[in-house]
Amino acid sequence: MAQSQHDIGTEWLAGAGLRPTRQRVTLAALLIGDGQHRHVTAESLFEAAKTEGEAVSLATVYNTLRTFCDAGLVQEVTVDGSKSYFDTNTHDHPHFFWEDEARLSDAPSDELVISRLPNAPAGAEISSVDVVIRLRKKP
């Protein structure tokens, strides 16, 4: 018997040690219930919840996504220093940002080669490298 999206969301939360509140389970099911990775904004997830008839505030969506980030369930990808996308694929990988659509998608990791990084300043260490490749349609 196939698991419901609700059950998948509940297990995902439990695996991260998060209490499965109704709102968390609702948002988790929307994020990973079909087994596909997603890149969402808080606003797009809020709209998806509304479309499903779920009563959840935008502030709750923001807080829940922050909790999911802190638990390692999603990673935040910031574009333009102000727009945040949340990715359910938490493995290190590059992204394409489609400027014309304000959309984020995965870029092929096996095609990216970073041969050298600058040395970190004294007293600091590099914790990660985020790669966002901006795209626009050719004229």
N, C-alpha and C. Protein backbone atom coordinates (compact mmCIF):
# COMPACT_ATOMS: atom_id res chain seq x y z
N MET A 1 0.84 -1.18 0.00
CA MET A 1 0.00 0.00 0.00
C MET A 1 0.88 1.25 0.00
N ALA A 2 0.60 2.17 -0.89
CA ALA A 2 1.41 3.39 -1.01
C ALA A 2 1.15 4.31 0.18
N GLN A 3 2.21 4.96 0.61
CA GLN A 3 2.09 5.92 1.70
C GLN A 3 1.41 7.19 1.19
N SER A 4 0.64 7.81 2.06
CA SER A 4 0.04 9.10 1.70
C SER A 4 1.09 10.20 1.83
N GLN A 5 0.84 11.32 1.18
CA GLN A 5 1.75 12.46 1.30
C GLN A 5 1.85 12.92 2.75
N HIS A 6 0.74 12.81 3.45
CA HIS A 6 0.70 13.19 4.87
C HIS A 6 1.66 12.29 5.67
N ASP A 7 1.62 10.98 5.41
CA ASP A 7 2.49 10.04 6.12
C ASP A 7 3.96 10.29 5.79
N ILE A 8 4.24 10.56 4.52
CA ILE A 8 5.62 10.84 4.10
C ILE A 8 6.13 12.09 4.80
N GLY A 9 5.30 13.14 4.85
CA GLY A 9 5.67 14.37 5.55
C GLY A 9 5.91 14.14 7.02
N THR A 10 5.06 13.34 7.66
CA THR A 10 5.21 13.04 9.08
C THR A 10 6.52 12.30 9.36
N GLU A 11 6.86 11.32 8.52
CA GLU A 11 8.11 10.57 8.69
C GLU A 11 9.33 11.46 8.46
N TRP A 12 9.25 12.36 7.50
CA TRP A 12 10.34 13.29 7.19
C TRP A 12 10.63 14.16 8.41
N LEU A 13 9.58 14.67 9.04
CA LEU A 13 9.73 15.48 10.25
C LEU A 13 10.30 14.65 11.39
N ALA A 14 9.78 13.45 11.59
CA ALA A 14 10.24 12.59 12.68
C ALA A 14 11.71 12.24 12.51
N GLY A 15 12.14 12.03 11.27
CA GLY A 15 13.54 11.71 11.01
C GLY A 15 14.48 12.83 11.40
N ALA A 16 13.96 14.05 11.44
CA ALA A 16 14.77 15.21 11.83
C ALA A 16 14.53 15.59 13.29
N GLY A 17 13.70 14.80 13.98
CA GLY A 17 13.43 15.08 15.38
C GLY A 17 12.48 16.24 15.61
N LEU A 18 11.69 16.59 14.59
CA LEU A 18 10.73 17.69 14.73
C LEU A 18 9.35 17.16 15.10
N ARG A 19 8.69 17.86 15.98
CA ARG A 19 7.33 17.51 16.36
C ARG A 19 6.41 17.73 15.16
N PRO A 20 5.60 16.72 14.82
CA PRO A 20 4.75 16.84 13.63
C PRO A 20 3.44 17.58 13.91
N THR A 21 3.52 18.90 14.02
CA THR A 21 2.31 19.71 14.20
C THR A 21 1.51 19.66 12.89
N ARG A 22 0.25 20.00 12.95
CA ARG A 22 -0.61 19.98 11.76
C ARG A 22 -0.01 20.84 10.65
N GLN A 23 0.44 22.04 11.01
CA GLN A 23 0.96 22.94 9.98
C GLN A 23 2.28 22.43 9.40
N ARG A 24 3.14 21.89 10.23
CA ARG A 24 4.41 21.35 9.72
C ARG A 24 4.15 20.17 8.79
N VAL A 25 3.25 19.29 9.17
CA VAL A 25 2.94 18.13 8.33
C VAL A 25 2.34 18.59 7.00
N THR A 26 1.45 19.56 7.04
CA THR A 26 0.85 20.11 5.82
C THR A 26 1.93 20.63 4.87
N LEU A 27 2.84 21.44 5.40
CA LEU A 27 3.89 22.02 4.55
C LEU A 27 4.90 20.97 4.11
N ALA A 28 5.22 20.03 4.99
CA ALA A 28 6.13 18.94 4.62
C ALA A 28 5.54 18.10 3.50
N ALA A 29 4.26 17.80 3.57
CA ALA A 29 3.61 17.01 2.53
C ALA A 29 3.65 17.74 1.19
N LEU A 30 3.45 19.05 1.21
CA LEU A 30 3.53 19.83 -0.02
C LEU A 30 4.95 19.85 -0.58
N LEU A 31 5.95 19.87 0.30
CA LEU A 31 7.34 19.94 -0.13
C LEU A 31 7.86 18.61 -0.67
N ILE A 32 7.60 17.52 0.03
CA ILE A 32 8.26 16.26 -0.33
C ILE A 32 7.30 15.07 -0.49
N GLY A 33 6.01 15.32 -0.37
CA GLY A 33 5.02 14.23 -0.38
C GLY A 33 5.00 13.39 -1.62
N ASP A 34 5.38 13.96 -2.77
CA ASP A 34 5.38 13.18 -4.01
C ASP A 34 6.77 12.63 -4.35
N GLY A 35 7.74 12.84 -3.45
CA GLY A 35 9.08 12.31 -3.67
C GLY A 35 9.96 13.14 -4.58
N GLN A 36 9.47 14.26 -5.06
CA GLN A 36 10.25 15.12 -5.95
C GLN A 36 10.90 16.25 -5.16
N HIS A 37 12.09 16.66 -5.59
CA HIS A 37 12.73 17.81 -4.97
C HIS A 37 12.07 19.09 -5.47
N ARG A 38 12.05 20.09 -4.61
CA ARG A 38 11.42 21.36 -4.93
C ARG A 38 12.32 22.53 -4.58
N HIS A 39 12.14 23.62 -5.30
CA HIS A 39 12.71 24.93 -4.98
C HIS A 39 11.51 25.84 -4.80
N VAL A 40 11.26 26.28 -3.59
CA VAL A 40 10.09 27.10 -3.32
C VAL A 40 10.49 28.39 -2.62
N THR A 41 9.65 29.37 -2.74
CA THR A 41 9.75 30.56 -1.90
C THR A 41 8.67 30.39 -0.82
N ALA A 42 8.78 31.16 0.23
CA ALA A 42 7.74 31.10 1.26
C ALA A 42 6.39 31.46 0.63
N GLU A 43 6.40 32.43 -0.27
CA GLU A 43 5.16 32.87 -0.90
C GLU A 43 4.56 31.77 -1.78
N SER A 44 5.39 31.06 -2.54
CA SER A 44 4.85 30.00 -3.41
C SER A 44 4.33 28.83 -2.59
N LEU A 45 4.99 28.52 -1.47
CA LEU A 45 4.51 27.44 -0.60
C LEU A 45 3.20 27.85 0.07
N PHE A 46 3.11 29.11 0.48
CA PHE A 46 1.88 29.65 1.06
C PHE A 46 0.72 29.52 0.06
N GLU A 47 0.97 29.89 -1.20
CA GLU A 47 -0.07 29.79 -2.24
C GLU A 47 -0.47 28.33 -2.48
N ALA A 48 0.50 27.44 -2.47
CA ALA A 48 0.19 26.01 -2.65
C ALA A 48 -0.68 25.50 -1.51
N ALA A 49 -0.39 25.92 -0.31
CA ALA A 49 -1.19 25.51 0.85
C ALA A 49 -2.62 26.04 0.72
N LYS A 50 -2.75 27.32 0.30
CA LYS A 50 -4.08 27.90 0.11
C LYS A 50 -4.86 27.14 -0.96
N THR A 51 -4.18 26.78 -2.05
CA THR A 51 -4.82 26.04 -3.13
C THR A 51 -5.35 24.70 -2.64
N GLU A 52 -4.63 24.09 -1.70
CA GLU A 52 -5.05 22.81 -1.13
C GLU A 52 -6.11 22.99 -0.04
N GLY A 53 -6.48 24.24 0.23
CA GLY A 53 -7.50 24.51 1.24
C GLY A 53 -6.99 24.47 2.66
N GLU A 54 -5.68 24.59 2.83
CA GLU A 54 -5.08 24.54 4.17
C GLU A 54 -5.02 25.95 4.76
N ALA A 55 -5.41 26.06 6.01
CA ALA A 55 -5.38 27.34 6.71
C ALA A 55 -4.03 27.51 7.40
N VAL A 56 -3.16 28.28 6.78
CA VAL A 56 -1.84 28.55 7.33
C VAL A 56 -1.45 29.97 6.93
N SER A 57 -0.89 30.72 7.86
CA SER A 57 -0.52 32.10 7.56
C SER A 57 0.85 32.14 6.88
N LEU A 58 1.12 33.24 6.19
CA LEU A 58 2.42 33.43 5.55
C LEU A 58 3.52 33.46 6.60
N ALA A 59 3.25 34.08 7.75
CA ALA A 59 4.25 34.12 8.83
C ALA A 59 4.57 32.71 9.31
N THR A 60 3.57 31.85 9.39
CA THR A 60 3.80 30.46 9.80
C THR A 60 4.65 29.73 8.77
N VAL A 61 4.40 30.00 7.49
CA VAL A 61 5.20 29.37 6.43
C VAL A 61 6.66 29.80 6.57
N TYR A 62 6.91 31.09 6.76
CA TYR A 62 8.28 31.57 6.95
C TYR A 62 8.93 30.90 8.16
N ASN A 63 8.24 30.88 9.28
CA ASN A 63 8.79 30.29 10.51
C ASN A 63 9.05 28.80 10.34
N THR A 64 8.14 28.12 9.66
CA THR A 64 8.29 26.67 9.45
C THR A 64 9.47 26.38 8.53
N LEU A 65 9.61 27.16 7.46
CA LEU A 65 10.76 26.96 6.57
C LEU A 65 12.07 27.21 7.32
N ARG A 66 12.09 28.20 8.20
CA ARG A 66 13.29 28.47 9.00
C ARG A 66 13.58 27.27 9.91
N THR A 67 12.55 26.71 10.52
CA THR A 67 12.71 25.52 11.36
C THR A 67 13.23 24.35 10.54
N PHE A 68 12.69 24.16 9.32
CA PHE A 68 13.15 23.09 8.45
C PHE A 68 14.62 23.29 8.08
N CYS A 69 15.03 24.54 7.84
CA CYS A 69 16.44 24.84 7.55
C CYS A 69 17.32 24.47 8.74
N ASP A 70 16.92 24.92 9.92
CA ASP A 70 17.70 24.66 11.13
C ASP A 70 17.84 23.16 11.40
N ALA A 71 16.83 22.37 10.99
CA ALA A 71 16.84 20.92 11.21
C ALA A 71 17.57 20.18 10.08
N GLY A 72 18.00 20.92 9.04
CA GLY A 72 18.72 20.30 7.93
C GLY A 72 17.82 19.63 6.91
N LEU A 73 16.52 19.92 6.93
CA LEU A 73 15.59 19.32 5.98
C LEU A 73 15.57 20.03 4.64
N VAL A 74 15.82 21.33 4.66
CA VAL A 74 15.90 22.13 3.43
C VAL A 74 17.09 23.05 3.55
N GLN A 75 17.57 23.52 2.42
CA GLN A 75 18.63 24.53 2.44
C GLN A 75 18.10 25.80 1.80
N GLU A 76 18.56 26.91 2.34
CA GLU A 76 18.16 28.20 1.82
C GLU A 76 19.17 28.64 0.76
N VAL A 77 18.65 29.10 -0.37
CA VAL A 77 19.48 29.64 -1.44
C VAL A 77 19.01 31.08 -1.64
N THR A 78 19.91 32.02 -1.40
CA THR A 78 19.56 33.44 -1.52
C THR A 78 20.01 33.96 -2.88
N VAL A 79 19.09 34.65 -3.55
CA VAL A 79 19.37 35.25 -4.85
C VAL A 79 19.17 36.75 -4.69
N ASP A 80 20.10 37.53 -5.19
CA ASP A 80 20.03 39.00 -5.13
C ASP A 80 20.09 39.53 -3.70
N GLY A 81 20.54 38.75 -2.76
CA GLY A 81 20.67 39.21 -1.39
C GLY A 81 19.38 39.42 -0.64
N SER A 82 18.24 39.25 -1.34
CA SER A 82 16.97 39.49 -0.66
C SER A 82 15.94 38.39 -0.90
N LYS A 83 16.01 37.71 -2.02
CA LYS A 83 15.03 36.70 -2.37
C LYS A 83 15.55 35.32 -1.97
N SER A 84 14.81 34.64 -1.10
CA SER A 84 15.23 33.32 -0.64
C SER A 84 14.38 32.23 -1.26
N TYR A 85 15.07 31.18 -1.70
CA TYR A 85 14.43 29.97 -2.18
C TYR A 85 14.82 28.86 -1.22
N PHE A 86 13.96 27.88 -1.06
CA PHE A 86 14.23 26.78 -0.15
C PHE A 86 14.23 25.51 -0.98
N ASP A 87 15.30 24.75 -0.85
CA ASP A 87 15.55 23.57 -1.68
C ASP A 87 15.48 22.32 -0.82
N THR A 88 14.68 21.35 -1.24
CA THR A 88 14.57 20.10 -0.48
C THR A 88 15.74 19.16 -0.73
N ASN A 89 16.56 19.46 -1.74
CA ASN A 89 17.77 18.69 -1.99
C ASN A 89 18.90 19.37 -1.20
N THR A 90 19.29 18.75 -0.10
CA THR A 90 20.26 19.39 0.80
C THR A 90 21.70 19.01 0.50
N HIS A 91 21.93 18.22 -0.54
CA HIS A 91 23.31 17.92 -0.94
C HIS A 91 23.89 19.14 -1.65
N ASP A 92 25.21 19.33 -1.53
CA ASP A 92 25.85 20.45 -2.21
C ASP A 92 25.68 20.30 -3.72
N HIS A 93 25.14 21.31 -4.34
CA HIS A 93 24.97 21.32 -5.79
C HIS A 93 24.73 22.74 -6.26
N PRO A 94 25.08 23.02 -7.53
CA PRO A 94 24.87 24.37 -8.08
C PRO A 94 23.43 24.56 -8.55
N HIS A 95 23.07 25.81 -8.77
CA HIS A 95 21.73 26.16 -9.22
C HIS A 95 21.78 27.08 -10.43
N PHE A 96 20.74 26.98 -11.25
CA PHE A 96 20.46 27.97 -12.27
C PHE A 96 19.37 28.88 -11.72
N PHE A 97 19.53 30.19 -11.88
CA PHE A 97 18.46 31.13 -11.57
C PHE A 97 17.99 31.71 -12.89
N TRP A 98 16.75 31.42 -13.25
CA TRP A 98 16.14 31.87 -14.49
C TRP A 98 15.56 33.26 -14.25
N GLU A 99 16.30 34.30 -14.63
CA GLU A 99 15.93 35.68 -14.33
C GLU A 99 14.56 36.06 -14.87
N ASP A 100 14.24 35.63 -16.09
CA ASP A 100 12.97 36.01 -16.72
C ASP A 100 11.77 35.42 -15.99
N GLU A 101 11.98 34.32 -15.28
CA GLU A 101 10.88 33.63 -14.59
C GLU A 101 11.00 33.70 -13.07
N ALA A 102 12.10 34.27 -12.57
CA ALA A 102 12.38 34.29 -11.13
C ALA A 102 12.25 32.88 -10.56
N ARG A 103 12.90 31.93 -11.24
CA ARG A 103 12.78 30.52 -10.88
C ARG A 103 14.17 29.93 -10.66
N LEU A 104 14.27 29.04 -9.69
CA LEU A 104 15.52 28.36 -9.38
C LEU A 104 15.40 26.90 -9.77
N SER A 105 16.45 26.35 -10.37
CA SER A 105 16.47 24.92 -10.69
C SER A 105 17.88 24.40 -10.46
N ASP A 106 17.99 23.08 -10.35
CA ASP A 106 19.30 22.47 -10.16
C ASP A 106 20.12 22.56 -11.44
N ALA A 107 21.41 22.80 -11.30
CA ALA A 107 22.35 22.76 -12.42
C ALA A 107 23.13 21.45 -12.28
N PRO A 108 23.63 20.91 -13.38
CA PRO A 108 24.35 19.63 -13.30
C PRO A 108 25.68 19.76 -12.53
N SER A 109 25.75 19.08 -11.42
CA SER A 109 26.95 19.12 -10.56
C SER A 109 28.18 18.59 -11.26
N ASP A 110 28.00 17.56 -12.08
CA ASP A 110 29.15 16.92 -12.70
C ASP A 110 29.81 17.79 -13.77
N GLU A 111 29.15 18.89 -14.15
CA GLU A 111 29.74 19.79 -15.15
C GLU A 111 30.43 20.99 -14.51
N LEU A 112 30.30 21.14 -13.20
CA LEU A 112 30.90 22.27 -12.51
C LEU A 112 32.28 21.88 -11.99
N VAL A 113 33.26 22.71 -12.29
CA VAL A 113 34.61 22.49 -11.79
C VAL A 113 35.10 23.78 -11.14
N ILE A 114 35.37 23.71 -9.86
CA ILE A 114 35.97 24.84 -9.15
C ILE A 114 37.38 24.38 -8.80
N SER A 115 38.35 24.95 -9.48
CA SER A 115 39.71 24.45 -9.32
C SER A 115 40.45 25.09 -8.15
N ARG A 116 40.00 26.26 -7.72
CA ARG A 116 40.74 26.92 -6.65
C ARG A 116 39.86 27.98 -5.99
N LEU A 117 39.93 28.04 -4.69
CA LEU A 117 39.24 29.08 -3.93
C LEU A 117 40.27 29.97 -3.27
N PRO A 118 39.92 31.20 -3.00
CA PRO A 118 40.86 32.06 -2.27
C PRO A 118 41.01 31.54 -0.84
N ASN A 119 42.15 31.85 -0.24
CA ASN A 119 42.34 31.48 1.16
C ASN A 119 41.39 32.28 2.03
N ALA A 120 40.88 31.64 3.05
CA ALA A 120 40.02 32.35 4.01
C ALA A 120 40.89 33.32 4.81
N PRO A 121 40.33 34.44 5.24
CA PRO A 121 41.09 35.37 6.07
C PRO A 121 41.53 34.71 7.38
N ALA A 122 42.52 35.26 8.00
CA ALA A 122 43.02 34.72 9.27
C ALA A 122 41.88 34.58 10.27
N GLY A 123 41.83 33.46 10.94
CA GLY A 123 40.82 33.22 11.95
C GLY A 123 39.49 32.75 11.41
N ALA A 124 39.42 32.50 10.10
CA ALA A 124 38.16 32.05 9.49
C ALA A 124 38.41 30.79 8.67
N GLU A 125 37.34 30.04 8.43
CA GLU A 125 37.42 28.88 7.55
C GLU A 125 36.22 28.91 6.61
N ILE A 126 36.38 28.36 5.42
CA ILE A 126 35.29 28.30 4.45
C ILE A 126 34.34 27.20 4.90
N SER A 127 33.07 27.55 5.08
CA SER A 127 32.10 26.56 5.52
C SER A 127 31.33 25.96 4.35
N SER A 128 31.15 26.74 3.29
CA SER A 128 30.49 26.21 2.10
C SER A 128 30.69 27.20 0.95
N VAL A 129 30.39 26.73 -0.25
CA VAL A 129 30.45 27.57 -1.44
C VAL A 129 29.12 27.39 -2.15
N ASP A 130 28.41 28.49 -2.35
CA ASP A 130 27.14 28.45 -3.07
C ASP A 130 27.37 28.94 -4.48
N VAL A 131 26.85 28.19 -5.45
CA VAL A 131 26.99 28.58 -6.84
C VAL A 131 25.60 28.76 -7.44
N VAL A 132 25.31 29.99 -7.85
CA VAL A 132 24.06 30.31 -8.53
C VAL A 132 24.44 30.92 -9.87
N ILE A 133 24.04 30.25 -10.93
CA ILE A 133 24.35 30.69 -12.29
C ILE A 133 23.10 31.36 -12.83
N ARG A 134 23.22 32.64 -13.12
CA ARG A 134 22.06 33.42 -13.58
C ARG A 134 21.90 33.23 -15.09
N LEU A 135 20.67 32.99 -15.50
CA LEU A 135 20.35 32.78 -16.92
C LEU A 135 19.27 33.75 -17.35
N ARG A 136 19.31 34.11 -18.63
CA ARG A 136 18.20 34.84 -19.24
C ARG A 136 18.07 34.34 -20.67
N LYS A 137 16.89 34.51 -21.21
CA LYS A 137 16.65 34.08 -22.59
C LYS A 137 17.45 34.95 -23.53
N LYS A 138 17.97 34.34 -24.58
CA LYS A 138 18.69 35.09 -25.60
C LYS A 138 17.70 35.95 -26.37
N PRO A 139 18.15 37.15 -26.78
CA PRO A 139 17.25 38.04 -27.56
C PRO A 139 16.93 37.45 -28.92
